[in-house]
Structures are given as C-alpha cells and as structure tokens.
Amino acid sequence: MRIGQLTDIHVWDPRSMRRVDWLGKRATGWVNYTRKRAAEYSIDVLCAAIARQVEARPDVVFVSGDLTNLGLRSELEAASEHLQPVRDAGIPIVVVPGNHDFYVPAAMRGDFETVFGDELGEPAGVGTWPRCVRVGSTSLVLVNSALPVPPLMAWGRIGDTQMADIDRVVAAETRAGQTVAIGLHHHPTRAPHKRYDGSRNLRDAAALRAIAERHGVALMMHGHNHYFHVRRMREATTIIGGISSSTTAHPGAPYRMGQTAIWTVADGTVGLEVANVDPDTGTFGDWIEHPLDAVPEESLAEATTG
C-alpha cells in the first residue's frame, strides 16, 4: 500500500464567517492569519503538492488535518475543491480533522463530516471516530485528536471512548491478517522544535502508543508540527512520522519547507519518500527516499515529557 500524505494545508476562505464569529477565538485566529500565516501559506504551493501526488498515483491520499484556518464551512468546501484533481485521477482521499478544523465548538456540529462524507472511511466504533479504510492487506485507522481548546493552545486529546474503539478495531484488523497504519493530526511523540510541548501536544499519547505496541502497528502518521520528524518507538517497531505543511512557501531548512510524502507499507515494513518545494519556483522536486532503518528510537518517557 502506498499512502500519499498532505498535511496542514490551511485553506483560507472566510465567506461563511458571521458577525458572531468576530467575538471569540476566530477573531484572534484571523489576526494571526493576516499578520503572519498569510505570507507563509500559498495556494499555488498546495496545488503543486496535489499535482505531485496525482503524478505519483498512490493507492490513497491521506490529509492529516488542519485543512482550514478557522474551521469555517466555506474553508472546508474550498479545501475539498482544491483536492478535486486527486478525485479526478481516481485516487481515493481520506481525511482527519486538525485543531484548526475544530477551532471552536461550533465547528464540531457536523460540517467536517458533511463536507467530506465518504472520505472519512467507515465508522469503526460507537461514536463518529475512529474510522477504518482497507486497501489491500493494509488497514488505515483514522483517528480524531482535535477538539476546541482555549486561545493560544493547540493541544489534542483522543479520549477514553475513542481510544477503546481504536484498541478494538486495531486488534480486529490485526487478527484478520491486516497490517495496520494509524493516521491522526497531533503527534504521539515529542515535537523536536519546542522546548515546551504542553500547549500543543497529544495529551493521551501514552495510551495510543500502548495500543501500537500491543498490536504491532506498523506506522503512525501525523501532521500539526509543520516540521519533518520521524522516530521509531523504542518499545516496538512502530514508525511515527510527520511532515511539514504541504502549503508552506516560506524558504528555510528542508525540514520546515513545504512537503508532501509517500509512505509505503508492505508486509509490516515501512518506507518513506518525501518531496520538498522549491521556494523560488513553487514546484516540488524529485521524491527522495528517507531510510527508516536508522531513524532514532524514542522511549515513552522521551515522547511524553514536557
């Protein structure tokens, strides 16, 4: 199974913003976008990343959250429209929400699920999440780690009910002979570029990592950090990886530049190829293989400190 990844595309479209939205967190988010993020995010870069995925023709394209800036219905619809070339190429899309998609409580009233519909996978528990998609001998379990949090915070939590369902579906897929990959937005590891990660981490990362260890999950993919980072769990063979934003135009070190990826899962073995944007042209370069046999190991204590 070849899983294409796009992440943190942050499509801006305020058409559905109402007067009441200017009274809360969306107002501060708008200020943050206009003062900083508008200069960093480029729709042209996003379109180039999408085109690169279409050329590569993976079995499925996974968008690992933060499709929007303020969790607006109009932003979700615009993000879906930008992904249309993937559908036109006959490549399935699956998505999970990020903290920006569930920016405020009003964003959790079903717009995300309505706009993306079947691209969420099949329900695999008692609630809306987790979801599960089978492609050949690989099962992709889609997890929601996003929820509204106070201003200046971006942490996530899966929750006990969803975590129990994840445990059950991963166990069932493993018993059926499937190799399991998990996709979510928040990082079940420690962000490498933050001294303190408590304001934006995954609060129940330890429970998710325990499931991965218990059932031999091959891969956990995430977004959120706008930073390329891959680790292997010390307690298991699970690879945990995230890439930089697929819409970032800002020049800088390769691990912070715009990226898109292809993950390969075969017989429990994981491979990774990454394409970086050229900030001068806005196009993506060749796929570069990232060897995973020598990636640093990370213990649970290292992953959840701070």
C-alpha atoms as a PDB file:
ATOM      1  CA  MET A   1       0.000   0.000   0.000  1.00  0.00           C
ATOM      2  CA  ARG A   2       1.293   3.431  -0.968  1.00  0.00           C
ATOM      3  CA  ILE A   3      -0.176   6.218   1.153  1.00  0.00           C
ATOM      4  CA  GLY A   4       0.277   9.759  -0.106  1.00  0.00           C
ATOM      5  CA  GLN A   5       0.289  12.422   2.598  1.00  0.00           C
ATOM      6  CA  LEU A   6      -0.704  16.065   2.526  1.00  0.00           C
ATOM      7  CA  THR A   7      -0.969  17.999   5.762  1.00  0.00           C
ATOM      8  CA  ASP A   8      -1.734  21.363   7.338  1.00  0.00           C
ATOM      9  CA  ILE A   9      -2.952  22.914   4.100  1.00  0.00           C
ATOM     10  CA  HIS A  10      -4.776  25.743   5.954  1.00  0.00           C
ATOM     11  CA  VAL A  11      -7.083  26.889   3.172  1.00  0.00           C
ATOM     12  CA  TRP A  12      -8.378  30.422   3.800  1.00  0.00           C
ATOM     13  CA  ASP A  13     -11.920  31.286   2.758  1.00  0.00           C
ATOM     14  CA  PRO A  14     -13.941  33.498   5.158  1.00  0.00           C
ATOM     15  CA  ARG A  15     -17.161  33.651   3.102  1.00  0.00           C
ATOM     16  CA  SER A  16     -19.204  31.870   5.781  1.00  0.00           C
ATOM     17  CA  MET A  17     -17.864  33.923   8.703  1.00  0.00           C
ATOM     18  CA  ARG A  18     -20.688  35.621  10.642  1.00  0.00           C
ATOM     19  CA  ARG A  19     -20.683  38.668  12.884  1.00  0.00           C
ATOM     20  CA  VAL A  20     -20.828  36.488  15.978  1.00  0.00           C
ATOM     21  CA  ASP A  21     -17.588  34.808  14.915  1.00  0.00           C
ATOM     22  CA  TRP A  22     -15.709  38.071  15.451  1.00  0.00           C
ATOM     23  CA  LEU A  23     -16.398  37.892  19.196  1.00  0.00           C
ATOM     24  CA  GLY A  24     -14.336  34.812  20.017  1.00  0.00           C
ATOM     25  CA  LYS A  25     -11.304  32.748  19.134  1.00  0.00           C
ATOM     26  CA  ARG A  26     -11.881  33.101  15.400  1.00  0.00           C
ATOM     27  CA  ALA A  27     -11.158  36.832  15.702  1.00  0.00           C
ATOM     28  CA  THR A  28      -7.713  36.187  17.214  1.00  0.00           C
ATOM     29  CA  GLY A  29      -7.146  33.484  14.599  1.00  0.00           C
ATOM     30  CA  TRP A  30      -7.968  35.950  11.849  1.00  0.00           C
ATOM     31  CA  VAL A  31      -5.433  38.423  13.242  1.00  0.00           C
ATOM     32  CA  ASN A  32      -2.803  35.675  13.418  1.00  0.00           C
ATOM     33  CA  TYR A  33      -3.532  34.673   9.836  1.00  0.00           C
ATOM     34  CA  THR A  34      -3.387  38.175   8.357  1.00  0.00           C
ATOM     35  CA  ARG A  35      -0.244  39.183  10.272  1.00  0.00           C
ATOM     36  CA  LYS A  36       1.775  36.005   9.859  1.00  0.00           C
ATOM     37  CA  ARG A  37       0.301  32.973   8.187  1.00  0.00           C
ATOM     38  CA  ALA A  38      -0.972  34.631   5.006  1.00  0.00           C
ATOM     39  CA  ALA A  39       2.637  35.269   3.997  1.00  0.00           C
ATOM     40  CA  GLU A  40       3.594  31.660   4.686  1.00  0.00           C
ATOM     41  CA  TYR A  41       0.717  29.733   3.115  1.00  0.00           C
ATOM     42  CA  SER A  42       0.429  29.560  -0.656  1.00  0.00           C
ATOM     43  CA  ILE A  43      -2.422  28.028  -2.629  1.00  0.00           C
ATOM     44  CA  ASP A  44      -0.008  27.682  -5.556  1.00  0.00           C
ATOM     45  CA  VAL A  45       2.263  25.521  -3.400  1.00  0.00           C
ATOM     46  CA  LEU A  46      -0.733  23.454  -2.291  1.00  0.00           C
ATOM     47  CA  CYS A  47      -1.816  22.918  -5.885  1.00  0.00           C
ATOM     48  CA  ALA A  48       1.741  21.870  -6.789  1.00  0.00           C
ATOM     49  CA  ALA A  49       1.770  19.372  -3.901  1.00  0.00           C
ATOM     50  CA  ILE A  50      -1.561  17.950  -5.046  1.00  0.00           C
ATOM     51  CA  ALA A  51      -0.257  17.682  -8.618  1.00  0.00           C
ATOM     52  CA  ARG A  52       2.798  15.826  -7.327  1.00  0.00           C
ATOM     53  CA  GLN A  53       0.536  13.299  -5.614  1.00  0.00           C
ATOM     54  CA  VAL A  54      -1.556  12.852  -8.750  1.00  0.00           C
ATOM     55  CA  GLU A  55       1.619  12.148 -10.749  1.00  0.00           C
ATOM     56  CA  ALA A  56       2.772   9.599  -8.162  1.00  0.00           C
ATOM     57  CA  ARG A  57      -0.623   7.828  -8.106  1.00  0.00           C
ATOM     58  CA  PRO A  58      -0.555   6.338  -4.588  1.00  0.00           C
ATOM     59  CA  ASP A  59      -3.286   3.924  -3.533  1.00  0.00           C
ATOM     60  CA  VAL A  60      -4.809   6.579  -1.289  1.00  0.00           C
ATOM     61  CA  VAL A  61      -4.070  10.199  -0.311  1.00  0.00           C
ATOM     62  CA  PHE A  62      -4.287  10.954   3.405  1.00  0.00           C
ATOM     63  CA  VAL A  63      -4.770  14.564   4.542  1.00  0.00           C
ATOM     64  CA  SER A  64      -3.665  14.677   8.165  1.00  0.00           C
ATOM     65  CA  GLY A  65      -5.688  17.612   9.439  1.00  0.00           C
ATOM     66  CA  ASP A  66      -5.760  21.397   9.530  1.00  0.00           C
ATOM     67  CA  LEU A  67      -7.426  21.705   6.177  1.00  0.00           C
ATOM     68  CA  THR A  68      -8.690  25.112   7.323  1.00  0.00           C
ATOM     69  CA  ASN A  69      -7.584  28.138   9.326  1.00  0.00           C
ATOM     70  CA  LEU A  70     -10.692  28.926  11.359  1.00  0.00           C
ATOM     71  CA  GLY A  71     -12.844  25.815  10.962  1.00  0.00           C
ATOM     72  CA  LEU A  72     -15.338  27.584   8.701  1.00  0.00           C
ATOM     73  CA  ARG A  73     -17.743  25.713   6.429  1.00  0.00           C
ATOM     74  CA  SER A  74     -16.550  27.829   3.490  1.00  0.00           C
ATOM     75  CA  GLU A  75     -12.930  26.847   4.204  1.00  0.00           C
ATOM     76  CA  LEU A  76     -13.835  23.152   4.314  1.00  0.00           C
ATOM     77  CA  GLU A  77     -15.642  23.462   0.991  1.00  0.00           C
ATOM     78  CA  ALA A  78     -12.720  25.346  -0.570  1.00  0.00           C
ATOM     79  CA  ALA A  79     -10.258  22.710   0.700  1.00  0.00           C
ATOM     80  CA  SER A  80     -12.417  19.972  -0.787  1.00  0.00           C
ATOM     81  CA  GLU A  81     -12.483  21.810  -4.127  1.00  0.00           C
ATOM     82  CA  HIS A  82      -8.690  22.078  -4.188  1.00  0.00           C
ATOM     83  CA  LEU A  83      -8.454  18.305  -3.679  1.00  0.00           C
ATOM     84  CA  GLN A  84     -10.665  17.599  -6.706  1.00  0.00           C
ATOM     85  CA  PRO A  85      -7.720  16.735  -9.030  1.00  0.00           C
ATOM     86  CA  VAL A  86      -6.988  13.752  -6.777  1.00  0.00           C
ATOM     87  CA  ARG A  87     -10.559  12.503  -7.170  1.00  0.00           C
ATOM     88  CA  ASP A  88     -10.475  13.163 -10.916  1.00  0.00           C
ATOM     89  CA  ALA A  89      -7.406  10.919 -11.133  1.00  0.00           C
ATOM     90  CA  GLY A  90      -9.364   8.110  -9.469  1.00  0.00           C
ATOM     91  CA  ILE A  91      -7.282   8.209  -6.282  1.00  0.00           C
ATOM     92  CA  PRO A  92      -9.246   7.833  -3.015  1.00  0.00           C
ATOM     93  CA  ILE A  93      -8.888  10.553  -0.381  1.00  0.00           C
ATOM     94  CA  VAL A  94      -9.180  10.133   3.384  1.00  0.00           C
ATOM     95  CA  VAL A  95      -9.043  12.961   5.912  1.00  0.00           C
ATOM     96  CA  VAL A  96      -8.954  13.595   9.655  1.00  0.00           C
ATOM     97  CA  PRO A  97      -9.634  16.900  11.421  1.00  0.00           C
ATOM     98  CA  GLY A  98      -6.941  19.035  12.985  1.00  0.00           C
ATOM     99  CA  ASN A  99      -7.169  21.592  15.770  1.00  0.00           C
ATOM    100  CA  HIS A 100      -7.891  24.374  13.247  1.00  0.00           C
ATOM    101  CA  ASP A 101     -10.763  22.366  11.752  1.00  0.00           C
ATOM    102  CA  PHE A 102     -12.394  22.087  15.199  1.00  0.00           C
ATOM    103  CA  TYR A 103     -11.246  25.569  16.169  1.00  0.00           C
ATOM    104  CA  VAL A 104     -14.344  26.455  18.196  1.00  0.00           C
ATOM    105  CA  PRO A 105     -17.282  24.376  19.492  1.00  0.00           C
ATOM    106  CA  ALA A 106     -19.472  25.500  16.575  1.00  0.00           C
ATOM    107  CA  ALA A 107     -17.020  23.826  14.172  1.00  0.00           C
ATOM    108  CA  MET A 108     -17.844  20.431  15.719  1.00  0.00           C
ATOM    109  CA  ARG A 109     -21.511  20.436  14.698  1.00  0.00           C
ATOM    110  CA  GLY A 110     -21.001  18.220  11.665  1.00  0.00           C
ATOM    111  CA  ASP A 111     -19.685  20.440   8.855  1.00  0.00           C
ATOM    112  CA  PHE A 112     -16.433  18.480   8.611  1.00  0.00           C
ATOM    113  CA  GLU A 113     -18.250  15.152   8.362  1.00  0.00           C
ATOM    114  CA  THR A 114     -20.831  16.570   5.932  1.00  0.00           C
ATOM    115  CA  VAL A 115     -18.331  18.140   3.529  1.00  0.00           C
ATOM    116  CA  PHE A 116     -16.025  15.121   3.368  1.00  0.00           C
ATOM    117  CA  GLY A 117     -18.645  12.372   3.769  1.00  0.00           C
ATOM    118  CA  ASP A 118     -17.304   9.070   2.484  1.00  0.00           C
ATOM    119  CA  GLU A 119     -13.733  10.382   2.619  1.00  0.00           C
ATOM    120  CA  LEU A 120     -13.718   9.732   6.347  1.00  0.00           C
ATOM    121  CA  GLY A 121     -13.719   5.949   5.979  1.00  0.00           C
ATOM    122  CA  GLU A 122     -16.117   3.528   7.626  1.00  0.00           C
ATOM    123  CA  PRO A 123     -17.170   4.122  11.270  1.00  0.00           C
ATOM    124  CA  ALA A 124     -15.333   1.677  13.482  1.00  0.00           C
ATOM    125  CA  GLY A 125     -16.765   2.333  16.933  1.00  0.00           C
ATOM    126  CA  VAL A 126     -19.649   3.678  18.950  1.00  0.00           C
ATOM    127  CA  GLY A 127     -19.004   7.303  18.003  1.00  0.00           C
ATOM    128  CA  THR A 128     -18.121   9.299  14.896  1.00  0.00           C
ATOM    129  CA  TRP A 129     -14.455   8.332  15.266  1.00  0.00           C
ATOM    130  CA  PRO A 130     -12.331   6.261  14.703  1.00  0.00           C
ATOM    131  CA  ARG A 131     -12.792   5.292  11.069  1.00  0.00           C
ATOM    132  CA  CYS A 132     -11.184   2.482   9.088  1.00  0.00           C
ATOM    133  CA  VAL A 133     -10.205   2.102   5.429  1.00  0.00           C
ATOM    134  CA  ARG A 134      -8.897  -1.138   3.970  1.00  0.00           C
ATOM    135  CA  VAL A 135      -6.635  -1.027   0.935  1.00  0.00           C
ATOM    136  CA  GLY A 136      -5.411  -4.487   0.095  1.00  0.00           C
ATOM    137  CA  SER A 137      -3.642  -6.028   3.069  1.00  0.00           C
ATOM    138  CA  THR A 138      -3.235  -2.696   4.888  1.00  0.00           C
ATOM    139  CA  SER A 139      -5.841  -1.109   7.147  1.00  0.00           C
ATOM    140  CA  LEU A 140      -5.660   2.634   7.737  1.00  0.00           C
ATOM    141  CA  VAL A 141      -7.289   3.557  11.050  1.00  0.00           C
ATOM    142  CA  LEU A 142      -8.291   7.236  11.112  1.00  0.00           C
ATOM    143  CA  VAL A 143      -8.313   8.961  14.496  1.00  0.00           C
ATOM    144  CA  ASN A 144      -9.700  12.307  15.627  1.00  0.00           C
ATOM    145  CA  SER A 145      -7.368  14.037  18.086  1.00  0.00           C
ATOM    146  CA  ALA A 146      -8.871  17.522  17.615  1.00  0.00           C
ATOM    147  CA  LEU A 147     -11.159  19.461  19.924  1.00  0.00           C
ATOM    148  CA  PRO A 148     -11.732  23.146  20.710  1.00  0.00           C
ATOM    149  CA  VAL A 149      -9.185  24.441  23.210  1.00  0.00           C
ATOM    150  CA  PRO A 150      -8.585  27.920  24.712  1.00  0.00           C
ATOM    151  CA  PRO A 151      -6.830  30.667  22.727  1.00  0.00           C
ATOM    152  CA  LEU A 152      -3.064  30.241  22.338  1.00  0.00           C
ATOM    153  CA  MET A 153      -3.479  26.495  22.917  1.00  0.00           C
ATOM    154  CA  ALA A 154      -3.359  23.750  20.277  1.00  0.00           C
ATOM    155  CA  TRP A 155      -3.209  20.503  22.234  1.00  0.00           C
ATOM    156  CA  GLY A 156      -5.263  17.469  21.318  1.00  0.00           C
ATOM    157  CA  ARG A 157      -6.912  14.534  23.034  1.00  0.00           C
ATOM    158  CA  ILE A 158      -8.383  11.301  21.670  1.00  0.00           C
ATOM    159  CA  GLY A 159     -10.492  10.482  24.726  1.00  0.00           C
ATOM    160  CA  ASP A 160     -11.249   7.243  26.529  1.00  0.00           C
ATOM    161  CA  THR A 161     -14.227   6.157  24.425  1.00  0.00           C
ATOM    162  CA  GLN A 162     -12.489   6.630  21.087  1.00  0.00           C
ATOM    163  CA  MET A 163      -9.280   5.100  22.452  1.00  0.00           C
ATOM    164  CA  ALA A 164     -11.145   1.945  23.469  1.00  0.00           C
ATOM    165  CA  ASP A 165     -12.635   1.712  19.973  1.00  0.00           C
ATOM    166  CA  ILE A 166      -9.197   2.190  18.423  1.00  0.00           C
ATOM    167  CA  ASP A 167      -7.899  -0.665  20.543  1.00  0.00           C
ATOM    168  CA  ARG A 168     -10.738  -2.916  19.399  1.00  0.00           C
ATOM    169  CA  VAL A 169     -10.518  -2.093  15.685  1.00  0.00           C
ATOM    170  CA  VAL A 170      -6.718  -2.378  15.574  1.00  0.00           C
ATOM    171  CA  ALA A 171      -6.919  -5.746  17.334  1.00  0.00           C
ATOM    172  CA  ALA A 172      -9.618  -6.965  14.934  1.00  0.00           C
ATOM    173  CA  GLU A 173      -7.734  -5.827  11.823  1.00  0.00           C
ATOM    174  CA  THR A 174      -4.536  -7.439  13.090  1.00  0.00           C
ATOM    175  CA  ARG A 175      -6.332 -10.721  13.782  1.00  0.00           C
ATOM    176  CA  ALA A 176      -7.680 -10.596  10.235  1.00  0.00           C
ATOM    177  CA  GLY A 177      -4.113 -10.555   8.917  1.00  0.00           C
ATOM    178  CA  GLN A 178      -4.055  -6.859   8.039  1.00  0.00           C
ATOM    179  CA  THR A 179      -1.070  -4.582   8.545  1.00  0.00           C
ATOM    180  CA  VAL A 180      -2.284  -1.525  10.456  1.00  0.00           C
ATOM    181  CA  ALA A 181      -1.353   2.112   9.956  1.00  0.00           C
ATOM    182  CA  ILE A 182      -2.869   4.891  12.085  1.00  0.00           C
ATOM    183  CA  GLY A 183      -3.470   8.417  10.825  1.00  0.00           C
ATOM    184  CA  LEU A 184      -4.162  11.417  13.050  1.00  0.00           C
ATOM    185  CA  HIS A 185      -3.314  15.117  13.347  1.00  0.00           C
ATOM    186  CA  HIS A 186      -1.483  15.562  16.667  1.00  0.00           C
ATOM    187  CA  HIS A 187       1.923  13.977  17.219  1.00  0.00           C
ATOM    188  CA  PRO A 188       2.130  10.897  19.508  1.00  0.00           C
ATOM    189  CA  THR A 189       5.770  11.815  20.036  1.00  0.00           C
ATOM    190  CA  ARG A 190       7.649  14.879  21.254  1.00  0.00           C
ATOM    191  CA  ALA A 191       7.831  17.880  18.943  1.00  0.00           C
ATOM    192  CA  PRO A 192      11.525  18.308  18.117  1.00  0.00           C
ATOM    193  CA  HIS A 193      11.429  22.085  17.742  1.00  0.00           C
ATOM    194  CA  LYS A 194       9.712  23.046  21.013  1.00  0.00           C
ATOM    195  CA  ARG A 195      11.283  23.348  24.454  1.00  0.00           C
ATOM    196  CA  TYR A 196       7.838  23.045  25.989  1.00  0.00           C
ATOM    197  CA  ASP A 197       5.257  20.946  24.175  1.00  0.00           C
ATOM    198  CA  GLY A 198       2.442  21.005  26.733  1.00  0.00           C
ATOM    199  CA  SER A 199       0.403  23.687  24.987  1.00  0.00           C
ATOM    200  CA  ARG A 200       0.156  21.735  21.727  1.00  0.00           C
ATOM    201  CA  ASN A 201       0.863  18.071  22.439  1.00  0.00           C
ATOM    202  CA  LEU A 202      -1.337  14.971  22.309  1.00  0.00           C
ATOM    203  CA  ARG A 203      -2.465  14.622  25.909  1.00  0.00           C
ATOM    204  CA  ASP A 204      -3.136  10.871  25.737  1.00  0.00           C
ATOM    205  CA  ALA A 205      -0.213   9.898  23.527  1.00  0.00           C
ATOM    206  CA  ALA A 206       0.866   7.225  26.016  1.00  0.00           C
ATOM    207  CA  ALA A 207      -2.397   5.286  25.592  1.00  0.00           C
ATOM    208  CA  LEU A 208      -2.158   5.408  21.789  1.00  0.00           C
ATOM    209  CA  ARG A 209       1.459   4.273  21.839  1.00  0.00           C
ATOM    210  CA  ALA A 210       0.460   1.389  24.132  1.00  0.00           C
ATOM    211  CA  ILE A 211      -2.076   0.238  21.528  1.00  0.00           C
ATOM    212  CA  ALA A 212       0.579   0.421  18.828  1.00  0.00           C
ATOM    213  CA  GLU A 213       2.956  -1.637  20.951  1.00  0.00           C
ATOM    214  CA  ARG A 214       0.320  -4.175  21.973  1.00  0.00           C
ATOM    215  CA  HIS A 215      -0.899  -4.923  18.445  1.00  0.00           C
ATOM    216  CA  GLY A 216       2.204  -4.321  16.346  1.00  0.00           C
ATOM    217  CA  VAL A 217       1.036  -1.228  14.458  1.00  0.00           C
ATOM    218  CA  ALA A 218       3.450  -0.585  11.594  1.00  0.00           C
ATOM    219  CA  LEU A 219       3.041   3.172  11.168  1.00  0.00           C
ATOM    220  CA  MET A 220       1.516   6.249  12.777  1.00  0.00           C
ATOM    221  CA  MET A 221       1.316   9.332  10.522  1.00  0.00           C
ATOM    222  CA  HIS A 222       0.600  12.826  11.810  1.00  0.00           C
ATOM    223  CA  GLY A 223       0.781  16.497  10.934  1.00  0.00           C
ATOM    224  CA  HIS A 224       0.459  19.549  13.220  1.00  0.00           C
ATOM    225  CA  ASN A 225       4.119  20.491  13.666  1.00  0.00           C
ATOM    226  CA  HIS A 226       4.914  21.929  10.221  1.00  0.00           C
ATOM    227  CA  TYR A 227       8.185  20.079  10.695  1.00  0.00           C
ATOM    228  CA  PHE A 228       9.647  16.869   9.264  1.00  0.00           C
ATOM    229  CA  HIS A 229      10.202  14.409  12.088  1.00  0.00           C
ATOM    230  CA  VAL A 230      10.426  10.593  12.102  1.00  0.00           C
ATOM    231  CA  ARG A 231      11.074   8.317  15.055  1.00  0.00           C
ATOM    232  CA  ARG A 232      10.813   4.611  15.865  1.00  0.00           C
ATOM    233  CA  MET A 233       9.154   3.613  19.135  1.00  0.00           C
ATOM    234  CA  ARG A 234      11.748   2.113  21.455  1.00  0.00           C
ATOM    235  CA  GLU A 235       9.133  -0.255  22.874  1.00  0.00           C
ATOM    236  CA  ALA A 236       8.085  -1.555  19.433  1.00  0.00           C
ATOM    237  CA  THR A 237       8.917  -1.394  15.736  1.00  0.00           C
ATOM    238  CA  THR A 238       6.258   1.260  15.060  1.00  0.00           C
ATOM    239  CA  ILE A 239       7.399   4.190  12.917  1.00  0.00           C
ATOM    240  CA  ILE A 240       5.935   7.581  13.918  1.00  0.00           C
ATOM    241  CA  GLY A 241       6.316  10.272  11.296  1.00  0.00           C
ATOM    242  CA  GLY A 242       5.115  13.718  10.368  1.00  0.00           C
ATOM    243  CA  ILE A 243       5.978  16.063   7.541  1.00  0.00           C
ATOM    244  CA  SER A 244       6.000  19.814   7.159  1.00  0.00           C
ATOM    245  CA  SER A 245       2.974  21.723   5.871  1.00  0.00           C
ATOM    246  CA  SER A 246       2.054  20.984   2.262  1.00  0.00           C
ATOM    247  CA  THR A 247       1.205  24.616   1.622  1.00  0.00           C
ATOM    248  CA  THR A 248       4.224  26.340   3.177  1.00  0.00           C
ATOM    249  CA  ALA A 249       6.045  28.659   0.782  1.00  0.00           C
ATOM    250  CA  HIS A 250       8.460  30.114   3.305  1.00  0.00           C
ATOM    251  CA  PRO A 251      12.111  29.272   2.494  1.00  0.00           C
ATOM    252  CA  GLY A 252      14.221  27.671   5.174  1.00  0.00           C
ATOM    253  CA  ALA A 253      15.731  24.409   6.314  1.00  0.00           C
ATOM    254  CA  PRO A 254      14.435  21.341   4.431  1.00  0.00           C
ATOM    255  CA  TYR A 255      12.588  20.046   7.493  1.00  0.00           C
ATOM    256  CA  ARG A 256      10.489  23.263   7.637  1.00  0.00           C
ATOM    257  CA  MET A 257       9.817  23.755   3.916  1.00  0.00           C
ATOM    258  CA  GLY A 258       6.661  22.691   2.111  1.00  0.00           C
ATOM    259  CA  GLN A 259       6.484  18.912   1.824  1.00  0.00           C
ATOM    260  CA  THR A 260       4.418  16.035   0.583  1.00  0.00           C
ATOM    261  CA  ALA A 261       5.150  12.357   1.139  1.00  0.00           C
ATOM    262  CA  ILE A 262       4.548   8.788   0.023  1.00  0.00           C
ATOM    263  CA  TRP A 263       4.530   6.136   2.745  1.00  0.00           C
ATOM    264  CA  THR A 264       4.869   2.512   1.642  1.00  0.00           C
ATOM    265  CA  VAL A 265       3.569  -0.299   3.839  1.00  0.00           C
ATOM    266  CA  ALA A 266       4.398  -3.843   2.741  1.00  0.00           C
ATOM    267  CA  ASP A 267       4.374  -6.942   4.957  1.00  0.00           C
ATOM    268  CA  GLY A 268       4.796  -4.802   8.049  1.00  0.00           C
ATOM    269  CA  THR A 269       7.773  -2.922   6.613  1.00  0.00           C
ATOM    270  CA  VAL A 270       7.514   0.849   6.170  1.00  0.00           C
ATOM    271  CA  GLY A 271       9.180   3.027   3.555  1.00  0.00           C
ATOM    272  CA  LEU A 272       9.112   6.786   3.019  1.00  0.00           C
ATOM    273  CA  GLU A 273       9.733   9.171   0.138  1.00  0.00           C
ATOM    274  CA  VAL A 274       9.479  12.946   0.546  1.00  0.00           C
ATOM    275  CA  ALA A 275       9.294  15.766  -1.984  1.00  0.00           C
ATOM    276  CA  ASN A 276      10.225  19.313  -0.933  1.00  0.00           C
ATOM    277  CA  VAL A 277       9.031  22.541  -2.513  1.00  0.00           C
ATOM    278  CA  ASP A 278      11.428  24.820  -4.359  1.00  0.00           C
ATOM    279  CA  PRO A 279      10.551  28.228  -2.844  1.00  0.00           C
ATOM    280  CA  ASP A 280      11.791  30.027  -5.940  1.00  0.00           C
ATOM    281  CA  THR A 281       9.523  28.187  -8.368  1.00  0.00           C
ATOM    282  CA  GLY A 282       6.757  26.901  -6.095  1.00  0.00           C
ATOM    283  CA  THR A 283       7.131  23.420  -7.600  1.00  0.00           C
ATOM    284  CA  PHE A 284       8.079  20.185  -5.871  1.00  0.00           C
ATOM    285  CA  GLY A 285      11.302  18.347  -6.585  1.00  0.00           C
ATOM    286  CA  ASP A 286      12.032  14.665  -7.006  1.00  0.00           C
ATOM    287  CA  TRP A 287      10.915  12.081  -4.482  1.00  0.00           C
ATOM    288  CA  ILE A 288      13.773  11.481  -2.056  1.00  0.00           C
ATOM    289  CA  GLU A 289      13.887   8.216  -0.159  1.00  0.00           C
ATOM    290  CA  HIS A 290      14.270   8.623   3.586  1.00  0.00           C
ATOM    291  CA  PRO A 291      15.885   5.489   5.063  1.00  0.00           C
ATOM    292  CA  LEU A 292      13.927   4.309   8.082  1.00  0.00           C
ATOM    293  CA  ASP A 293      16.184   1.520   9.286  1.00  0.00           C
ATOM    294  CA  ALA A 294      18.409   4.014  11.101  1.00  0.00           C
ATOM    295  CA  VAL A 295      15.909   6.579  12.404  1.00  0.00           C
ATOM    296  CA  PRO A 296      16.377   7.457  16.095  1.00  0.00           C
ATOM    297  CA  GLU A 297      14.450   5.471  18.664  1.00  0.00           C
ATOM    298  CA  GLU A 298      12.270   7.262  21.182  1.00  0.00           C
ATOM    299  CA  SER A 299      11.021   5.945  24.507  1.00  0.00           C
ATOM    300  CA  LEU A 300       7.611   6.674  26.013  1.00  0.00           C
ATOM    301  CA  ALA A 301       9.260   8.899  28.639  1.00  0.00           C
ATOM    302  CA  GLU A 302      11.051  10.899  25.956  1.00  0.00           C
ATOM    303  CA  ALA A 303       7.843  11.231  23.937  1.00  0.00           C
ATOM    304  CA  THR A 304       5.613  12.468  26.744  1.00  0.00           C
ATOM    305  CA  THR A 305       7.935  14.729  28.753  1.00  0.00           C
ATOM    306  CA  GLY A 306       7.049  18.414  28.620  1.00  0.00           C
END
